[in-house]
Amino acid sequence: MSVLQEGFVMKRSVFQPCLELYPMSEWNIMMAKVNKLNRFVKKNNDFIRRFTAGVKVVELDSSGRLLVPKDLYSFAGIQKEVVLSSSVNIIEIWDKDEYEQAIGDATVDFADLAEEVMGGVNDEEDGIS
């Protein structure tokens, strides 16, 4: 079965005013991790509730489009233009102005962030990342 036939999950982002679009296979992997949390630990239960708030299963319509549910549309503050941004295994859906502001805000510190996040990663045997 293809990714398009399996459908997608759309949800609010945890960290940004945007939406996240998961292929169903990626969502299932994420939920397998979430399901390992002990729900008798209050912070785990609170996290699960917030993480899954507003989750919607979405499918392509006959014209190959995805309908963004109104509540999620409002959450992301989408006005007129949208930006689709790849985020490894998911797609972020942004209002264009919000996206430009988020990218602009991050530009100043990106070199430091890149060094901190990726500077210690070295998966190659030859010592070159």
Protein backbone atom coordinates (compact mmCIF):
# COMPACT_ATOMS: atom_id res chain seq x y z
CA MET A 1 0.00 0.00 0.00
CA SER A 2 1.36 3.43 -0.91
CA VAL A 3 1.81 6.32 1.50
CA LEU A 4 -0.98 8.20 -0.26
CA GLN A 5 -3.43 5.31 0.19
CA GLU A 6 -2.56 4.83 3.86
CA GLY A 7 -3.51 8.41 4.70
CA PHE A 8 -1.98 10.93 7.05
CA VAL A 9 -2.30 12.36 10.53
CA MET A 10 -2.35 16.12 10.98
CA LYS A 11 -1.75 17.72 14.36
CA ARG A 12 -0.62 20.84 16.16
CA SER A 13 3.11 21.25 16.51
CA VAL A 14 4.48 21.03 20.04
CA PHE A 15 7.09 23.77 19.63
CA GLN A 16 5.90 26.08 16.84
CA PRO A 17 2.67 27.74 15.63
CA CYS A 18 2.39 25.33 12.73
CA LEU A 19 0.87 21.97 11.84
CA GLU A 20 2.61 18.64 11.42
CA LEU A 21 1.62 16.15 8.75
CA TYR A 22 2.66 12.56 9.44
CA PRO A 23 2.39 9.75 6.91
CA MET A 24 0.36 7.06 8.70
CA SER A 25 3.42 4.77 8.94
CA GLU A 26 5.41 7.50 10.74
CA TRP A 27 2.47 8.27 13.03
CA ASN A 28 2.25 4.60 14.00
CA ILE A 29 5.97 4.61 14.91
CA MET A 30 5.47 7.75 17.02
CA MET A 31 2.42 6.32 18.76
CA ALA A 32 4.29 3.08 19.53
CA LYS A 33 6.80 5.24 21.45
CA VAL A 34 4.05 7.22 23.19
CA ASN A 35 2.21 4.02 24.14
CA LYS A 36 5.26 2.85 26.12
CA LEU A 37 4.75 5.71 28.59
CA ASN A 38 3.28 4.78 31.95
CA ARG A 39 -0.10 6.54 32.08
CA PHE A 40 -0.14 6.31 35.88
CA VAL A 41 2.61 8.94 35.91
CA LYS A 42 0.76 12.28 35.79
CA LYS A 43 3.26 14.12 33.58
CA ASN A 44 3.16 11.26 31.07
CA ASN A 45 -0.63 11.39 30.98
CA ASP A 46 -0.54 15.20 30.61
CA PHE A 47 1.97 14.89 27.78
CA ILE A 48 -0.13 12.30 25.92
CA ARG A 49 -3.24 14.46 26.21
CA ARG A 50 -1.49 17.55 24.88
CA PHE A 51 0.50 15.72 22.21
CA THR A 52 -2.63 14.14 20.75
CA ALA A 53 -4.88 17.21 21.13
CA GLY A 54 -6.51 18.08 17.84
CA VAL A 55 -5.15 15.03 16.01
CA LYS A 56 -7.01 14.39 12.77
CA VAL A 57 -6.74 11.53 10.29
CA VAL A 58 -6.77 13.05 6.80
CA GLU A 59 -6.85 11.55 3.32
CA LEU A 60 -6.37 12.92 -0.15
CA ASP A 61 -9.58 13.89 -1.93
CA SER A 62 -10.34 12.84 -5.51
CA SER A 63 -8.26 15.77 -6.80
CA GLY A 64 -5.22 14.82 -4.68
CA ARG A 65 -5.70 17.56 -2.09
CA LEU A 66 -5.60 17.44 1.70
CA LEU A 67 -8.25 19.39 3.56
CA VAL A 68 -6.88 21.19 6.62
CA PRO A 69 -9.50 20.96 9.40
CA LYS A 70 -10.76 24.37 10.50
CA ASP A 71 -9.57 24.08 14.14
CA LEU A 72 -6.04 23.24 13.00
CA TYR A 73 -6.14 25.97 10.37
CA SER A 74 -6.96 28.45 13.14
CA PHE A 75 -4.24 27.10 15.46
CA ALA A 76 -1.57 27.68 12.80
CA GLY A 77 -2.88 31.18 12.07
CA ILE A 78 -3.01 30.43 8.37
CA GLN A 79 -4.21 33.54 6.55
CA LYS A 80 -3.68 33.24 2.81
CA GLU A 81 -0.41 31.64 1.74
CA VAL A 82 1.07 28.46 3.22
CA VAL A 83 4.55 27.04 3.32
CA LEU A 84 5.21 23.30 3.37
CA SER A 85 8.51 22.56 5.06
CA SER A 86 10.20 19.18 5.24
CA SER A 87 11.15 18.16 8.76
CA VAL A 88 12.91 14.82 8.16
CA ASN A 89 10.01 12.33 8.25
CA ILE A 90 7.09 14.76 8.52
CA ILE A 91 5.93 17.92 6.78
CA GLU A 92 5.32 21.17 8.63
CA ILE A 93 2.47 23.37 7.39
CA TRP A 94 2.95 27.08 8.14
CA ASP A 95 1.31 30.40 7.49
CA LYS A 96 3.86 32.06 5.17
CA ASP A 97 4.41 35.11 7.39
CA GLU A 98 4.82 32.95 10.53
CA TYR A 99 7.32 30.73 8.70
CA GLU A 100 9.37 33.69 7.47
CA GLN A 101 9.45 35.12 10.99
CA ALA A 102 10.49 31.78 12.54
CA ILE A 103 13.26 31.30 9.98
CA GLY A 104 14.38 34.91 10.40
CA ASP A 105 14.49 34.61 14.18
CA ALA A 106 16.55 31.43 13.96
CA THR A 107 19.05 32.69 11.36
CA VAL A 108 21.14 34.68 13.82
CA ASP A 109 21.84 31.72 16.08
CA PHE A 110 21.81 28.95 13.47
CA ALA A 111 25.59 28.50 13.29
CA ASP A 112 25.79 28.06 17.07
CA LEU A 113 22.77 25.76 17.04
CA ALA A 114 24.22 23.64 14.22
CA GLU A 115 27.49 23.24 16.09
CA GLU A 116 25.75 22.34 19.35
CA VAL A 117 23.30 19.86 17.80
CA MET A 118 25.44 18.30 15.07
CA GLY A 119 29.00 19.08 16.18
CA GLY A 120 29.39 15.89 18.18
CA VAL A 121 27.79 13.60 15.59
CA ASN A 122 30.34 11.42 13.87
CA ASP A 123 28.93 8.24 12.37
CA GLU A 124 31.68 7.66 9.85
CA GLU A 125 34.59 5.32 10.57
CA ASP A 126 37.00 7.68 8.84
CA GLY A 127 36.25 10.40 11.41
CA ILE A 128 34.65 12.72 8.89
CA SER A 129 31.00 13.61 9.38
